[in-house]
């Protein structure tokens, strides 16, 4: 619970997030990250990023 004193002290912003990293059998790396931020008012921001990278050499 946020109090006016906490807001004045700069403790106004609350952030939370989660991060998931997986590396597959063929050198594929999946990275997923989600975050949530709120400034205590009715404003909120949600961000999600995902990336897939391939490492190593491929032979056909």
PDB file of N, CA and C in Angstrom:
ATOM      1  N   UNK A   1       0.846  -1.171   0.000  1.00  0.00           N
ATOM      2  CA  UNK A   1       0.000   0.000   0.000  1.00  0.00           C
ATOM      3  C   UNK A   1       0.884   1.224   0.000  1.00  0.00           C
ATOM      4  N   UNK A   2       0.574   2.164  -0.869  1.00  0.00           N
ATOM      5  CA  UNK A   2       1.395   3.353  -1.009  1.00  0.00           C
ATOM      6  C   UNK A   2       0.825   4.482  -0.161  1.00  0.00           C
ATOM      7  N   UNK A   3       1.691   5.178   0.503  1.00  0.00           N
ATOM      8  CA  UNK A   3       1.272   6.304   1.325  1.00  0.00           C
ATOM      9  C   UNK A   3       1.799   7.593   0.711  1.00  0.00           C
ATOM     10  N   UNK A   4       1.215   8.727   1.055  1.00  0.00           N
ATOM     11  CA  UNK A   4       1.732   9.996   0.519  1.00  0.00           C
ATOM     12  C   UNK A   4       3.206  10.216   0.850  1.00  0.00           C
ATOM     13  N   UNK A   5       3.647   9.789   2.034  1.00  0.00           N
ATOM     14  CA  UNK A   5       5.067   9.940   2.371  1.00  0.00           C
ATOM     15  C   UNK A   5       5.946   9.087   1.473  1.00  0.00           C
ATOM     16  N   UNK A   6       5.500   7.876   1.175  1.00  0.00           N
ATOM     17  CA  UNK A   6       6.275   7.010   0.293  1.00  0.00           C
ATOM     18  C   UNK A   6       6.365   7.628  -1.095  1.00  0.00           C
ATOM     19  N   UNK A   7       5.292   8.229  -1.545  1.00  0.00           N
ATOM     20  CA  UNK A   7       5.328   8.877  -2.853  1.00  0.00           C
ATOM     21  C   UNK A   7       6.287  10.056  -2.855  1.00  0.00           C
ATOM     22  N   UNK A   8       6.316  10.822  -1.788  1.00  0.00           N
ATOM     23  CA  UNK A   8       7.225  11.959  -1.707  1.00  0.00           C
ATOM     24  C   UNK A   8       8.673  11.494  -1.623  1.00  0.00           C
ATOM     25  N   UNK A   9       8.894  10.331  -1.077  1.00  0.00           N
ATOM     26  CA  UNK A   9      10.256   9.815  -0.924  1.00  0.00           C
ATOM     27  C   UNK A   9      10.771   9.173  -2.212  1.00  0.00           C
ATOM     28  N   UNK A  10       9.975   9.197  -3.264  1.00  0.00           N
ATOM     29  CA  UNK A  10      10.415   8.634  -4.530  1.00  0.00           C
ATOM     30  C   UNK A  10      10.105   7.163  -4.685  1.00  0.00           C
ATOM     31  N   UNK A  11       9.296   6.597  -3.816  1.00  0.00           N
ATOM     32  CA  UNK A  11       8.934   5.186  -3.913  1.00  0.00           C
ATOM     33  C   UNK A  11       7.606   5.034  -4.644  1.00  0.00           C
ATOM     34  N   UNK A  12       7.417   5.850  -5.627  1.00  0.00           N
ATOM     35  CA  UNK A  12       6.126   5.929  -6.291  1.00  0.00           C
ATOM     36  C   UNK A  12       5.933   4.830  -7.335  1.00  0.00           C
ATOM     37  N   UNK A  13       6.994   4.389  -7.951  1.00  0.00           N
ATOM     38  CA  UNK A  13       6.858   3.458  -9.069  1.00  0.00           C
ATOM     39  C   UNK A  13       7.020   2.009  -8.620  1.00  0.00           C
ATOM     40  N   UNK A  14       6.148   1.185  -9.111  1.00  0.00           N
ATOM     41  CA  UNK A  14       6.176  -0.241  -8.799  1.00  0.00           C
ATOM     42  C   UNK A  14       6.360  -0.996 -10.111  1.00  0.00           C
ATOM     43  N   UNK A  15       7.350  -1.862 -10.156  1.00  0.00           N
ATOM     44  CA  UNK A  15       7.582  -2.648 -11.363  1.00  0.00           C
ATOM     45  C   UNK A  15       7.667  -4.120 -11.012  1.00  0.00           C
ATOM     46  N   UNK A  16       7.231  -4.925 -11.922  1.00  0.00           N
ATOM     47  CA  UNK A  16       7.314  -6.372 -11.758  1.00  0.00           C
ATOM     48  C   UNK A  16       7.558  -6.969 -13.128  1.00  0.00           C
ATOM     49  N   UNK A  17       8.217  -8.091 -13.171  1.00  0.00           N
ATOM     50  CA  UNK A  17       8.484  -8.692 -14.466  1.00  0.00           C
ATOM     51  C   UNK A  17       8.827 -10.159 -14.346  1.00  0.00           C
ATOM     52  N   UNK A  18       8.847 -10.807 -15.485  1.00  0.00           N
ATOM     53  CA  UNK A  18       9.238 -12.198 -15.546  1.00  0.00           C
ATOM     54  C   UNK A  18      10.081 -12.401 -16.786  1.00  0.00           C
ATOM     55  N   UNK A  19      10.961 -13.366 -16.739  1.00  0.00           N
ATOM     56  CA  UNK A  19      11.879 -13.614 -17.835  1.00  0.00           C
ATOM     57  C   UNK A  19      12.006 -15.117 -18.045  1.00  0.00           C
ATOM     58  N   UNK A  20      11.980 -15.535 -19.295  1.00  0.00           N
ATOM     59  CA  UNK A  20      12.072 -16.953 -19.627  1.00  0.00           C
ATOM     60  C   UNK A  20      13.104 -17.131 -20.729  1.00  0.00           C
ATOM     61  N   UNK A  21      14.062 -17.990 -20.502  1.00  0.00           N
ATOM     62  CA  UNK A  21      15.088 -18.299 -21.499  1.00  0.00           C
ATOM     63  C   UNK A  21      15.133 -19.808 -21.717  1.00  0.00           C
ATOM     64  N   UNK A  22      15.062 -20.219 -22.960  1.00  0.00           N
ATOM     65  CA  UNK A  22      15.141 -21.636 -23.301  1.00  0.00           C
ATOM     66  C   UNK A  22      16.162 -21.821 -24.419  1.00  0.00           C
ATOM     67  N   UNK A  23      16.925 -22.880 -24.322  1.00  0.00           N
ATOM     68  CA  UNK A  23      17.854 -23.205 -25.398  1.00  0.00           C
ATOM     69  C   UNK A  23      17.533 -24.603 -25.892  1.00  0.00           C
ATOM     70  N   UNK A  24      17.277 -24.698 -27.162  1.00  0.00           N
ATOM     71  CA  UNK A  24      16.845 -25.964 -27.738  1.00  0.00           C
ATOM     72  C   UNK A  24      17.979 -26.867 -28.166  1.00  0.00           C
ATOM     73  N   UNK A  25      17.611 -27.985 -28.691  1.00  0.00           N
ATOM     74  CA  UNK A  25      18.553 -29.028 -29.060  1.00  0.00           C
ATOM     75  C   UNK A  25      19.407 -28.638 -30.265  1.00  0.00           C
ATOM     76  N   UNK A  26      18.885 -27.813 -31.146  1.00  0.00           N
ATOM     77  CA  UNK A  26      19.587 -27.469 -32.377  1.00  0.00           C
ATOM     78  C   UNK A  26      20.215 -26.076 -32.328  1.00  0.00           C
ATOM     79  N   UNK A  27      20.458 -25.554 -31.146  1.00  0.00           N
ATOM     80  CA  UNK A  27      21.102 -24.253 -31.026  1.00  0.00           C
ATOM     81  C   UNK A  27      20.133 -23.090 -31.134  1.00  0.00           C
ATOM     82  N   UNK A  28      18.850 -23.361 -31.021  1.00  0.00           N
ATOM     83  CA  UNK A  28      17.864 -22.280 -31.050  1.00  0.00           C
ATOM     84  C   UNK A  28      17.667 -21.759 -29.636  1.00  0.00           C
ATOM     85  N   UNK A  29      17.665 -20.458 -29.489  1.00  0.00           N
ATOM     86  CA  UNK A  29      17.486 -19.846 -28.172  1.00  0.00           C
ATOM     87  C   UNK A  29      16.245 -18.966 -28.207  1.00  0.00           C
ATOM     88  N   UNK A  30      15.329 -19.218 -27.306  1.00  0.00           N
ATOM     89  CA  UNK A  30      14.094 -18.433 -27.212  1.00  0.00           C
ATOM     90  C   UNK A  30      14.156 -17.587 -25.947  1.00  0.00           C
ATOM     91  N   UNK A  31      13.894 -16.298 -26.098  1.00  0.00           N
ATOM     92  CA  UNK A  31      13.929 -15.367 -24.970  1.00  0.00           C
ATOM     93  C   UNK A  31      12.604 -14.615 -24.937  1.00  0.00           C
ATOM     94  N   UNK A  32      11.897 -14.709 -23.825  1.00  0.00           N
ATOM     95  CA  UNK A  32      10.621 -14.013 -23.658  1.00  0.00           C
ATOM     96  C   UNK A  32      10.684 -13.219 -22.364  1.00  0.00           C
ATOM     97  N   UNK A  33      10.301 -11.957 -22.426  1.00  0.00           N
ATOM     98  CA  UNK A  33      10.317 -11.115 -21.231  1.00  0.00           C
ATOM     99  C   UNK A  33       9.053 -10.268 -21.200  1.00  0.00           C
ATOM    100  N   UNK A  34       8.418 -10.208 -20.034  1.00  0.00           N
ATOM    101  CA  UNK A  34       7.227  -9.385 -19.846  1.00  0.00           C
ATOM    102  C   UNK A  34       7.414  -8.539 -18.601  1.00  0.00           C
ATOM    103  N   UNK A  35       6.974  -7.295 -18.660  1.00  0.00           N
ATOM    104  CA  UNK A  35       7.107  -6.422 -17.496  1.00  0.00           C
ATOM    105  C   UNK A  35       5.864  -5.576 -17.332  1.00  0.00           C
ATOM    106  N   UNK A  36       5.605  -5.169 -16.109  1.00  0.00           N
ATOM    107  CA  UNK A  36       4.447  -4.357 -15.769  1.00  0.00           C
ATOM    108  C   UNK A  36       4.909  -3.242 -14.852  1.00  0.00           C
ATOM    109  N   UNK A  37       4.453  -2.027 -15.118  1.00  0.00           N
ATOM    110  CA  UNK A  37       4.850  -0.893 -14.284  1.00  0.00           C
ATOM    111  C   UNK A  37       3.640  -0.017 -14.016  1.00  0.00           C
ATOM    112  N   UNK A  38       3.557   0.511 -12.815  1.00  0.00           N
ATOM    113  CA  UNK A  38       2.468   1.411 -12.441  1.00  0.00           C
ATOM    114  C   UNK A  38       3.036   2.510 -11.566  1.00  0.00           C
ATOM    115  N   UNK A  39       2.517   3.721 -11.736  1.00  0.00           N
ATOM    116  CA  UNK A  39       3.011   4.841 -10.937  1.00  0.00           C
ATOM    117  C   UNK A  39       2.093   5.155  -9.766  1.00  0.00           C
ATOM    118  N   UNK A  40       1.183   4.274  -9.429  1.00  0.00           N
ATOM    119  CA  UNK A  40       0.317   4.483  -8.281  1.00  0.00           C
ATOM    120  C   UNK A  40      -0.972   5.193  -8.634  1.00  0.00           C
ATOM    121  N   UNK A  41      -1.004   5.883  -9.761  1.00  0.00           N
ATOM    122  CA  UNK A  41      -2.253   6.492 -10.214  1.00  0.00           C
ATOM    123  C   UNK A  41      -2.980   5.453 -11.053  1.00  0.00           C
ATOM    124  N   UNK A  42      -3.772   5.886 -11.986  1.00  0.00           N
ATOM    125  CA  UNK A  42      -4.493   4.936 -12.827  1.00  0.00           C
ATOM    126  C   UNK A  42      -3.750   4.655 -14.125  1.00  0.00           C
ATOM    127  N   UNK A  43      -2.451   4.945 -14.167  1.00  0.00           N
ATOM    128  CA  UNK A  43      -1.646   4.686 -15.359  1.00  0.00           C
ATOM    129  C   UNK A  43      -0.863   3.392 -15.170  1.00  0.00           C
ATOM    130  N   UNK A  44      -0.865   2.575 -16.189  1.00  0.00           N
ATOM    131  CA  UNK A  44      -0.098   1.334 -16.144  1.00  0.00           C
ATOM    132  C   UNK A  44       0.518   1.097 -17.514  1.00  0.00           C
ATOM    133  N   UNK A  45       1.643   0.435 -17.521  1.00  0.00           N
ATOM    134  CA  UNK A  45       2.333   0.140 -18.771  1.00  0.00           C
ATOM    135  C   UNK A  45       2.746  -1.319 -18.767  1.00  0.00           C
ATOM    136  N   UNK A  46       2.445  -2.001 -19.844  1.00  0.00           N
ATOM    137  CA  UNK A  46       2.799  -3.406 -19.977  1.00  0.00           C
ATOM    138  C   UNK A  46       3.653  -3.550 -21.231  1.00  0.00           C
ATOM    139  N   UNK A  47       4.768  -4.238 -21.104  1.00  0.00           N
ATOM    140  CA  UNK A  47       5.661  -4.451 -22.246  1.00  0.00           C
ATOM    141  C   UNK A  47       6.024  -5.921 -22.330  1.00  0.00           C
ATOM    142  N   UNK A  48       6.018  -6.441 -23.550  1.00  0.00           N
ATOM    143  CA  UNK A  48       6.390  -7.832 -23.777  1.00  0.00           C
ATOM    144  C   UNK A  48       7.336  -7.886 -24.969  1.00  0.00           C
ATOM    145  N   UNK A  49       8.434  -8.600 -24.807  1.00  0.00           N
ATOM    146  CA  UNK A  49       9.379  -8.778 -25.906  1.00  0.00           C
ATOM    147  C   UNK A  49       9.685 -10.258 -26.062  1.00  0.00           C
ATOM    148  N   UNK A  50       9.930 -10.669 -27.283  1.00  0.00           N
ATOM    149  CA  UNK A  50      10.299 -12.060 -27.549  1.00  0.00           C
ATOM    150  C   UNK A  50      11.318 -12.076 -28.678  1.00  0.00           C
ATOM    151  N   UNK A  51      12.275 -12.974 -28.580  1.00  0.00           N
ATOM    152  CA  UNK A  51      13.267 -13.112 -29.637  1.00  0.00           C
ATOM    153  C   UNK A  51      13.654 -14.580 -29.788  1.00  0.00           C
ATOM    154  N   UNK A  52      13.961 -14.955 -31.008  1.00  0.00           N
ATOM    155  CA  UNK A  52      14.396 -16.313 -31.319  1.00  0.00           C
ATOM    156  C   UNK A  52      15.701 -16.203 -32.095  1.00  0.00           C
ATOM    157  N   UNK A  53      16.757 -16.824 -31.591  1.00  0.00           N
ATOM    158  CA  UNK A  53      18.069 -16.733 -32.227  1.00  0.00           C
ATOM    159  C   UNK A  53      18.590 -18.131 -32.538  1.00  0.00           C
ATOM    160  N   UNK A  54      19.271 -18.230 -33.649  1.00  0.00           N
ATOM    161  CA  UNK A  54      19.895 -19.503 -34.035  1.00  0.00           C
ATOM    162  C   UNK A  54      21.410 -19.342 -33.974  1.00  0.00           C
ATOM    163  N   UNK A  55      22.062 -20.261 -33.315  1.00  0.00           N
ATOM    164  CA  UNK A  55      23.517 -20.220 -33.206  1.00  0.00           C
ATOM    165  C   UNK A  55      24.102 -21.509 -33.763  1.00  0.00           C
ATOM    166  N   UNK A  56      25.317 -21.426 -34.235  1.00  0.00           N
ATOM    167  CA  UNK A  56      25.971 -22.614 -34.759  1.00  0.00           C
ATOM    168  C   UNK A  56      25.872 -22.694 -36.269  1.00  0.00           C
ATOM    169  N   UNK A  57      26.247 -23.832 -36.809  1.00  0.00           N
ATOM    170  CA  UNK A  57      26.238 -24.019 -38.258  1.00  0.00           C
ATOM    171  C   UNK A  57      25.177 -25.048 -38.645  1.00  0.00           C
ATOM    172  N   UNK A  58      24.657 -24.851 -39.814  1.00  0.00           N
ATOM    173  CA  UNK A  58      23.635 -25.757 -40.333  1.00  0.00           C
ATOM    174  C   UNK A  58      24.192 -26.469 -41.562  1.00  0.00           C
ATOM    175  N   UNK A  59      24.049 -27.764 -41.607  1.00  0.00           N
ATOM    176  CA  UNK A  59      24.498 -28.533 -42.759  1.00  0.00           C
ATOM    177  C   UNK A  59      23.310 -29.288 -43.342  1.00  0.00           C
ATOM    178  N   UNK A  60      23.232 -29.278 -44.688  1.00  0.00           N
ATOM    179  CA  UNK A  60      22.114 -29.943 -45.357  1.00  0.00           C
ATOM    180  C   UNK A  60      22.623 -31.143 -46.112  1.00  0.00           C
TER     181      UNK A  60
END
